[in-house]
All heavy atoms as atom14 arrays in JSON, in Angstrom:
{
  "sequence": "EVERRPLLDLSSGYIQRAADRMPKQGSKTPWYLRQNY",
  "atom14_mask": [
    [1, 1, 1, 1, 1, 1, 1, 1, 1, 0, 0, 0, 0, 0],
    [1, 1, 1, 1, 1, 1, 1, 0, 0, 0, 0, 0, 0, 0],
    [1, 1, 1, 1, 1, 1, 1, 1, 1, 0, 0, 0, 0, 0],
    [1, 1, 1, 1, 1, 1, 1, 1, 1, 1, 1, 0, 0, 0],
    [1, 1, 1, 1, 1, 1, 1, 1, 1, 1, 1, 0, 0, 0],
    [1, 1, 1, 1, 1, 1, 1, 0, 0, 0, 0, 0, 0, 0],
    [1, 1, 1, 1, 1, 1, 1, 1, 0, 0, 0, 0, 0, 0],
    [1, 1, 1, 1, 1, 1, 1, 1, 0, 0, 0, 0, 0, 0],
    [1, 1, 1, 1, 1, 1, 1, 1, 0, 0, 0, 0, 0, 0],
    [1, 1, 1, 1, 1, 1, 1, 1, 0, 0, 0, 0, 0, 0],
    [1, 1, 1, 1, 1, 1, 0, 0, 0, 0, 0, 0, 0, 0],
    [1, 1, 1, 1, 1, 1, 0, 0, 0, 0, 0, 0, 0, 0],
    [1, 1, 1, 1, 0, 0, 0, 0, 0, 0, 0, 0, 0, 0],
    [1, 1, 1, 1, 1, 1, 1, 1, 1, 1, 1, 1, 0, 0],
    [1, 1, 1, 1, 1, 1, 1, 1, 0, 0, 0, 0, 0, 0],
    [1, 1, 1, 1, 1, 1, 1, 1, 1, 0, 0, 0, 0, 0],
    [1, 1, 1, 1, 1, 1, 1, 1, 1, 1, 1, 0, 0, 0],
    [1, 1, 1, 1, 1, 0, 0, 0, 0, 0, 0, 0, 0, 0],
    [1, 1, 1, 1, 1, 0, 0, 0, 0, 0, 0, 0, 0, 0],
    [1, 1, 1, 1, 1, 1, 1, 1, 0, 0, 0, 0, 0, 0],
    [1, 1, 1, 1, 1, 1, 1, 1, 1, 1, 1, 0, 0, 0],
    [1, 1, 1, 1, 1, 1, 1, 1, 0, 0, 0, 0, 0, 0],
    [1, 1, 1, 1, 1, 1, 1, 0, 0, 0, 0, 0, 0, 0],
    [1, 1, 1, 1, 1, 1, 1, 1, 1, 0, 0, 0, 0, 0],
    [1, 1, 1, 1, 1, 1, 1, 1, 1, 0, 0, 0, 0, 0],
    [1, 1, 1, 1, 0, 0, 0, 0, 0, 0, 0, 0, 0, 0],
    [1, 1, 1, 1, 1, 1, 0, 0, 0, 0, 0, 0, 0, 0],
    [1, 1, 1, 1, 1, 1, 1, 1, 1, 0, 0, 0, 0, 0],
    [1, 1, 1, 1, 1, 1, 1, 0, 0, 0, 0, 0, 0, 0],
    [1, 1, 1, 1, 1, 1, 1, 0, 0, 0, 0, 0, 0, 0],
    [1, 1, 1, 1, 1, 1, 1, 1, 1, 1, 1, 1, 1, 1],
    [1, 1, 1, 1, 1, 1, 1, 1, 1, 1, 1, 1, 0, 0],
    [1, 1, 1, 1, 1, 1, 1, 1, 0, 0, 0, 0, 0, 0],
    [1, 1, 1, 1, 1, 1, 1, 1, 1, 1, 1, 0, 0, 0],
    [1, 1, 1, 1, 1, 1, 1, 1, 1, 0, 0, 0, 0, 0],
    [1, 1, 1, 1, 1, 1, 1, 1, 0, 0, 0, 0, 0, 0],
    [1, 1, 1, 1, 1, 1, 1, 1, 1, 1, 1, 1, 0, 0]
  ],
  "atom14_positions": [
    [[-0.69, 16.27, -3.45], [0.68, 16.15, -2.97], [1.12, 14.72, -2.72], [2.31, 14.44, -2.65], [0.84, 16.93, -1.66], [0.73, 18.42, -1.83], [0.97, 19.15, -0.52], [1.51, 18.54, 0.41], [0.61, 20.33, -0.44], [0.0, 0.0, 0.0], [0.0, 0.0, 0.0], [0.0, 0.0, 0.0], [0.0, 0.0, 0.0], [0.0, 0.0, 0.0]],
    [[0.16, 13.81, -2.55], [0.5, 12.43, -2.19], [-0.13, 11.47, -3.2], [-1.33, 11.47, -3.39], [-0.01, 12.1, -0.77], [0.37, 10.69, -0.38], [0.53, 13.09, 0.25], [0.0, 0.0, 0.0], [0.0, 0.0, 0.0], [0.0, 0.0, 0.0], [0.0, 0.0, 0.0], [0.0, 0.0, 0.0], [0.0, 0.0, 0.0], [0.0, 0.0, 0.0]],
    [[0.71, 10.66, -3.8], [0.24, 9.63, -4.74], [-0.24, 8.42, -3.96], [0.4, 8.0, -3.0], [1.4, 9.24, -5.65], [1.1, 8.11, -6.58], [2.36, 7.63, -7.29], [3.31, 8.43, -7.46], [2.4, 6.45, -7.67], [0.0, 0.0, 0.0], [0.0, 0.0, 0.0], [0.0, 0.0, 0.0], [0.0, 0.0, 0.0], [0.0, 0.0, 0.0]],
    [[-1.38, 7.86, -4.35], [-1.89, 6.66, -3.68], [-1.15, 5.42, -4.18], [-0.88, 5.28, -5.37], [-3.38, 6.49, -3.95], [-4.21, 7.52, -3.27], [-5.67, 7.36, -3.51], [-5.98, 6.44, -4.58], [-7.17, 5.94, -4.83], [-8.17, 6.27, -4.09], [-7.37, 5.11, -5.82], [0.0, 0.0, 0.0], [0.0, 0.0, 0.0], [0.0, 0.0, 0.0]],
    [[-0.84, 4.54, -3.23], [-0.15, 3.27, -3.54], [-0.83, 2.14, -2.78], [-1.48, 2.39, -1.77], [1.31, 3.35, -3.12], [2.11, 4.36, -3.91], [3.54, 4.31, -3.52], [4.31, 5.25, -4.31], [5.55, 5.56, -4.1], [6.21, 5.01, -3.08], [6.19, 6.42, -4.86], [0.0, 0.0, 0.0], [0.0, 0.0, 0.0], [0.0, 0.0, 0.0]],
    [[-0.63, 0.9, -3.21], [-1.21, -0.23, -2.46], [-0.69, -0.24, -1.02], [0.47, 0.08, -0.77], [-0.73, -1.46, -3.22], [-0.43, -0.96, -4.6], [0.05, 0.45, -4.43], [0.0, 0.0, 0.0], [0.0, 0.0, 0.0], [0.0, 0.0, 0.0], [0.0, 0.0, 0.0], [0.0, 0.0, 0.0], [0.0, 0.0, 0.0], [0.0, 0.0, 0.0]],
    [[-1.55, -0.63, -0.11], [-1.17, -0.68, 1.31], [-0.12, -1.75, 1.57], [0.86, -1.52, 2.26], [-2.41, -0.95, 2.17], [-2.18, -1.09, 3.66], [-1.6, 0.19, 4.23], [-3.46, -1.46, 4.36], [0.0, 0.0, 0.0], [0.0, 0.0, 0.0], [0.0, 0.0, 0.0], [0.0, 0.0, 0.0], [0.0, 0.0, 0.0], [0.0, 0.0, 0.0]],
    [[-0.32, -2.92, 1.01], [0.62, -4.03, 1.21], [1.36, -4.31, -0.09], [0.74, -4.63, -1.1], [-0.12, -5.28, 1.68], [-0.87, -5.15, 3.0], [-1.7, -6.4, 3.26], [0.08, -4.89, 4.14], [0.0, 0.0, 0.0], [0.0, 0.0, 0.0], [0.0, 0.0, 0.0], [0.0, 0.0, 0.0], [0.0, 0.0, 0.0], [0.0, 0.0, 0.0]],
    [[2.66, -4.2, -0.06], [3.48, -4.44, -1.24], [3.87, -5.93, -1.28], [5.03, -6.28, -1.08], [4.72, -3.56, -1.21], [5.53, -3.64, -2.5], [4.94, -3.99, -3.54], [6.73, -3.36, -2.44], [0.0, 0.0, 0.0], [0.0, 0.0, 0.0], [0.0, 0.0, 0.0], [0.0, 0.0, 0.0], [0.0, 0.0, 0.0], [0.0, 0.0, 0.0]],
    [[2.86, -6.76, -1.51], [3.08, -8.2, -1.55], [2.58, -8.74, -2.88], [1.62, -8.21, -3.45], [2.33, -8.9, -0.41], [2.75, -8.52, 1.01], [1.8, -9.15, 2.01], [4.18, -8.97, 1.27], [0.0, 0.0, 0.0], [0.0, 0.0, 0.0], [0.0, 0.0, 0.0], [0.0, 0.0, 0.0], [0.0, 0.0, 0.0], [0.0, 0.0, 0.0]],
    [[3.2, -9.79, -3.36], [2.79, -10.37, -4.64], [1.86, -11.56, -4.47], [1.48, -12.18, -5.47], [4.03, -10.8, -5.43], [4.77, -11.76, -4.69], [0.0, 0.0, 0.0], [0.0, 0.0, 0.0], [0.0, 0.0, 0.0], [0.0, 0.0, 0.0], [0.0, 0.0, 0.0], [0.0, 0.0, 0.0], [0.0, 0.0, 0.0], [0.0, 0.0, 0.0]],
    [[1.44, -11.87, -3.26], [0.54, -12.99, -3.01], [-0.76, -12.8, -3.8], [-1.28, -11.69, -3.89], [0.19, -13.07, -1.53], [1.35, -13.11, -0.75], [0.0, 0.0, 0.0], [0.0, 0.0, 0.0], [0.0, 0.0, 0.0], [0.0, 0.0, 0.0], [0.0, 0.0, 0.0], [0.0, 0.0, 0.0], [0.0, 0.0, 0.0], [0.0, 0.0, 0.0]],
    [[-1.27, -13.9, -4.34], [-2.47, -13.84, -5.16], [-3.65, -13.23, -4.45], [-4.38, -12.41, -5.01], [0.0, 0.0, 0.0], [0.0, 0.0, 0.0], [0.0, 0.0, 0.0], [0.0, 0.0, 0.0], [0.0, 0.0, 0.0], [0.0, 0.0, 0.0], [0.0, 0.0, 0.0], [0.0, 0.0, 0.0], [0.0, 0.0, 0.0], [0.0, 0.0, 0.0]],
    [[-3.88, -13.62, -3.19], [-5.04, -13.1, -2.47], [-4.92, -11.6, -2.21], [-5.92, -10.87, -2.18], [-5.29, -13.87, -1.16], [-4.25, -13.69, -0.09], [-4.46, -12.8, 0.96], [-3.06, -14.41, -0.11], [-3.51, -12.64, 1.95], [-2.11, -14.26, 0.88], [-2.34, -13.37, 1.91], [-1.4, -13.21, 2.89], [0.0, 0.0, 0.0], [0.0, 0.0, 0.0]],
    [[-3.72, -11.09, -2.03], [-3.51, -9.66, -1.86], [-3.75, -8.94, -3.18], [-4.42, -7.9, -3.23], [-2.08, -9.35, -1.34], [-1.86, -9.96, 0.04], [-1.78, -7.86, -1.36], [-2.66, -9.32, 1.14], [0.0, 0.0, 0.0], [0.0, 0.0, 0.0], [0.0, 0.0, 0.0], [0.0, 0.0, 0.0], [0.0, 0.0, 0.0], [0.0, 0.0, 0.0]],
    [[-3.21, -9.46, -4.27], [-3.38, -8.86, -5.59], [-4.86, -8.82, -6.0], [-5.32, -7.83, -6.55], [-2.55, -9.6, -6.63], [-1.06, -9.51, -6.41], [-0.56, -8.08, -6.42], [-0.87, -7.32, -7.32], [0.2, -7.71, -5.41], [0.0, 0.0, 0.0], [0.0, 0.0, 0.0], [0.0, 0.0, 0.0], [0.0, 0.0, 0.0], [0.0, 0.0, 0.0]],
    [[-5.59, -9.88, -5.71], [-7.01, -9.92, -6.09], [-7.85, -8.92, -5.3], [-8.87, -8.44, -5.78], [-7.57, -11.33, -5.9], [-7.06, -12.32, -6.94], [-7.79, -13.66, -6.86], [-7.55, -14.37, -5.61], [-6.5, -15.16, -5.37], [-5.58, -15.34, -6.3], [-6.37, -15.78, -4.2], [0.0, 0.0, 0.0], [0.0, 0.0, 0.0], [0.0, 0.0, 0.0]],
    [[-7.44, -8.59, -4.1], [-8.2, -7.66, -3.26], [-7.63, -6.25, -3.27], [-8.16, -5.37, -2.58], [-8.23, -8.18, -1.83], [0.0, 0.0, 0.0], [0.0, 0.0, 0.0], [0.0, 0.0, 0.0], [0.0, 0.0, 0.0], [0.0, 0.0, 0.0], [0.0, 0.0, 0.0], [0.0, 0.0, 0.0], [0.0, 0.0, 0.0], [0.0, 0.0, 0.0]],
    [[-6.61, -5.99, -4.04], [-5.92, -4.69, -4.01], [-6.85, -3.51, -4.26], [-6.7, -2.46, -3.64], [-4.77, -4.68, -5.01], [0.0, 0.0, 0.0], [0.0, 0.0, 0.0], [0.0, 0.0, 0.0], [0.0, 0.0, 0.0], [0.0, 0.0, 0.0], [0.0, 0.0, 0.0], [0.0, 0.0, 0.0], [0.0, 0.0, 0.0], [0.0, 0.0, 0.0]],
    [[-7.82, -3.66, -5.14], [-8.72, -2.54, -5.42], [-9.7, -2.27, -4.28], [-10.32, -1.22, -4.23], [-9.47, -2.78, -6.73], [-10.39, -3.99, -6.68], [-10.05, -4.97, -5.98], [-11.45, -3.96, -7.33], [0.0, 0.0, 0.0], [0.0, 0.0, 0.0], [0.0, 0.0, 0.0], [0.0, 0.0, 0.0], [0.0, 0.0, 0.0], [0.0, 0.0, 0.0]],
    [[-9.84, -3.21, -3.36], [-10.76, -3.04, -2.23], [-10.03, -2.71, -0.92], [-10.67, -2.49, 0.1], [-11.6, -4.31, -2.06], [-12.54, -4.55, -3.22], [-13.37, -5.78, -3.06], [-12.61, -7.02, -3.04], [-12.2, -7.69, -4.11], [-12.47, -7.23, -5.32], [-11.52, -8.81, -4.0], [0.0, 0.0, 0.0], [0.0, 0.0, 0.0], [0.0, 0.0, 0.0]],
    [[-8.73, -2.7, -0.95], [-7.93, -2.43, 0.25], [-7.68, -0.93, 0.38], [-7.61, -0.21, -0.63], [-6.57, -3.13, 0.14], [-6.64, -4.63, 0.06], [-6.93, -5.39, 1.64], [-5.36, -5.12, 2.42], [0.0, 0.0, 0.0], [0.0, 0.0, 0.0], [0.0, 0.0, 0.0], [0.0, 0.0, 0.0], [0.0, 0.0, 0.0], [0.0, 0.0, 0.0]],
    [[-7.53, -0.45, 1.62], [-7.12, 0.94, 1.81], [-5.76, 1.18, 1.15], [-5.01, 0.23, 0.91], [-7.0, 1.08, 3.33], [-7.8, -0.04, 3.88], [-7.72, -1.15, 2.88], [0.0, 0.0, 0.0], [0.0, 0.0, 0.0], [0.0, 0.0, 0.0], [0.0, 0.0, 0.0], [0.0, 0.0, 0.0], [0.0, 0.0, 0.0], [0.0, 0.0, 0.0]],
    [[-5.47, 2.41, 0.86], [-4.22, 2.77, 0.19], [-3.29, 3.47, 1.16], [-3.72, 4.06, 2.15], [-4.49, 3.7, -1.0], [-5.5, 3.17, -1.99], [-5.0, 1.94, -2.69], [-5.99, 1.47, -3.73], [-6.51, 0.15, -3.5], [0.0, 0.0, 0.0], [0.0, 0.0, 0.0], [0.0, 0.0, 0.0], [0.0, 0.0, 0.0], [0.0, 0.0, 0.0]],
    [[-2.02, 3.41, 0.86], [-1.05, 4.23, 1.58], [-0.57, 5.31, 0.62], [-0.9, 5.29, -0.57], [0.11, 3.39, 2.09], [1.02, 2.83, 1.02], [2.22, 2.16, 1.64], [2.79, 2.62, 2.61], [2.61, 1.03, 1.06], [0.0, 0.0, 0.0], [0.0, 0.0, 0.0], [0.0, 0.0, 0.0], [0.0, 0.0, 0.0], [0.0, 0.0, 0.0]],
    [[0.17, 6.26, 1.12], [0.66, 7.35, 0.29], [2.09, 7.13, -0.16], [2.75, 6.17, 0.23], [0.0, 0.0, 0.0], [0.0, 0.0, 0.0], [0.0, 0.0, 0.0], [0.0, 0.0, 0.0], [0.0, 0.0, 0.0], [0.0, 0.0, 0.0], [0.0, 0.0, 0.0], [0.0, 0.0, 0.0], [0.0, 0.0, 0.0], [0.0, 0.0, 0.0]],
    [[2.56, 8.05, -0.97], [3.91, 7.95, -1.51], [4.95, 8.58, -0.6], [6.15, 8.46, -0.85], [3.95, 8.61, -2.89], [3.49, 9.95, -2.81], [0.0, 0.0, 0.0], [0.0, 0.0, 0.0], [0.0, 0.0, 0.0], [0.0, 0.0, 0.0], [0.0, 0.0, 0.0], [0.0, 0.0, 0.0], [0.0, 0.0, 0.0], [0.0, 0.0, 0.0]],
    [[4.51, 9.28, 0.46], [5.46, 9.89, 1.39], [4.85, 9.94, 2.78], [3.65, 9.81, 2.96], [5.89, 11.27, 0.92], [4.76, 12.27, 0.76], [5.3, 13.57, 0.21], [4.18, 14.58, 0.03], [4.68, 15.84, -0.48], [0.0, 0.0, 0.0], [0.0, 0.0, 0.0], [0.0, 0.0, 0.0], [0.0, 0.0, 0.0], [0.0, 0.0, 0.0]],
    [[5.71, 10.12, 3.78], [5.25, 10.15, 5.17], [4.34, 11.36, 5.38], [4.52, 12.37, 4.69], [6.44, 10.21, 6.14], [7.21, 11.36, 5.86], [7.29, 8.98, 6.05], [0.0, 0.0, 0.0], [0.0, 0.0, 0.0], [0.0, 0.0, 0.0], [0.0, 0.0, 0.0], [0.0, 0.0, 0.0], [0.0, 0.0, 0.0], [0.0, 0.0, 0.0]],
    [[3.41, 11.29, 6.26], [3.11, 10.21, 7.19], [2.19, 9.14, 6.6], [1.75, 8.25, 7.32], [2.41, 10.92, 8.34], [1.65, 12.0, 7.65], [2.55, 12.46, 6.52], [0.0, 0.0, 0.0], [0.0, 0.0, 0.0], [0.0, 0.0, 0.0], [0.0, 0.0, 0.0], [0.0, 0.0, 0.0], [0.0, 0.0, 0.0], [0.0, 0.0, 0.0]],
    [[1.91, 9.21, 5.34], [0.99, 8.28, 4.7], [1.67, 7.03, 4.16], [1.03, 6.1, 3.7], [0.23, 8.98, 3.56], [-0.47, 10.19, 4.07], [-0.07, 11.49, 3.91], [-1.65, 10.23, 4.86], [-0.95, 12.33, 4.55], [-1.93, 11.58, 5.14], [-2.51, 9.26, 5.36], [-3.02, 11.98, 5.89], [-3.6, 9.67, 6.1], [-3.84, 11.0, 6.36]],
    [[2.98, 7.01, 4.2], [3.76, 5.88, 3.68], [4.21, 5.0, 4.84], [4.79, 5.49, 5.8], [4.98, 6.39, 2.91], [5.89, 5.32, 2.42], [5.5, 4.46, 1.4], [7.15, 5.14, 2.98], [6.34, 3.46, 0.95], [8.0, 4.14, 2.54], [7.58, 3.31, 1.52], [8.41, 2.32, 1.08], [0.0, 0.0, 0.0], [0.0, 0.0, 0.0]],
    [[3.92, 3.7, 4.75], [4.32, 2.76, 5.8], [5.64, 2.09, 5.43], [5.68, 1.22, 4.57], [3.24, 1.69, 5.99], [1.88, 2.19, 6.43], [0.88, 1.05, 6.45], [1.98, 2.85, 7.79], [0.0, 0.0, 0.0], [0.0, 0.0, 0.0], [0.0, 0.0, 0.0], [0.0, 0.0, 0.0], [0.0, 0.0, 0.0], [0.0, 0.0, 0.0]],
    [[6.7, 2.53, 6.07], [7.99, 1.89, 5.83], [7.97, 0.48, 6.38], [7.24, 0.17, 7.32], [9.11, 2.67, 6.53], [9.35, 4.02, 5.97], [10.51, 4.65, 6.69], [10.19, 4.86, 8.09], [10.53, 5.93, 8.77], [11.22, 6.87, 8.21], [10.19, 6.06, 10.04], [0.0, 0.0, 0.0], [0.0, 0.0, 0.0], [0.0, 0.0, 0.0]],
    [[8.78, -0.35, 5.85], [8.93, -1.72, 6.35], [10.3, -1.83, 7.01], [11.08, -2.73, 6.72], [8.78, -2.72, 5.2], [7.39, -2.78, 4.61], [6.34, -3.21, 5.62], [6.55, -4.12, 6.42], [5.2, -2.55, 5.6], [0.0, 0.0, 0.0], [0.0, 0.0, 0.0], [0.0, 0.0, 0.0], [0.0, 0.0, 0.0], [0.0, 0.0, 0.0]],
    [[10.6, -0.87, 7.91], [11.89, -0.82, 8.56], [11.72, -0.45, 10.03], [11.54, 0.73, 10.37], [12.79, 0.19, 7.85], [14.21, 0.14, 8.33], [14.49, 0.01, 9.52], [15.14, 0.23, 7.41], [0.0, 0.0, 0.0], [0.0, 0.0, 0.0], [0.0, 0.0, 0.0], [0.0, 0.0, 0.0], [0.0, 0.0, 0.0], [0.0, 0.0, 0.0]],
    [[11.77, -1.44, 10.88], [11.55, -1.23, 12.31], [12.55, -0.24, 12.9], [12.16, 0.63, 13.68], [11.64, -2.57, 13.05], [11.59, -2.44, 14.55], [10.4, -2.15, 15.2], [12.74, -2.6, 15.31], [10.35, -2.01, 16.58], [12.7, -2.48, 16.7], [11.5, -2.19, 17.31], [11.46, -2.06, 18.68], [0.0, 0.0, 0.0], [0.0, 0.0, 0.0]]
  ]
}
């Protein structure tokens, strides 16, 4: 039911290089981390 996505949606090189080793977030709540306070 939930597609895995990168945890941090950043284009920084160090984030991109570690993306395969980082935890994932989901495509919908509660597994999706909005960036809207």
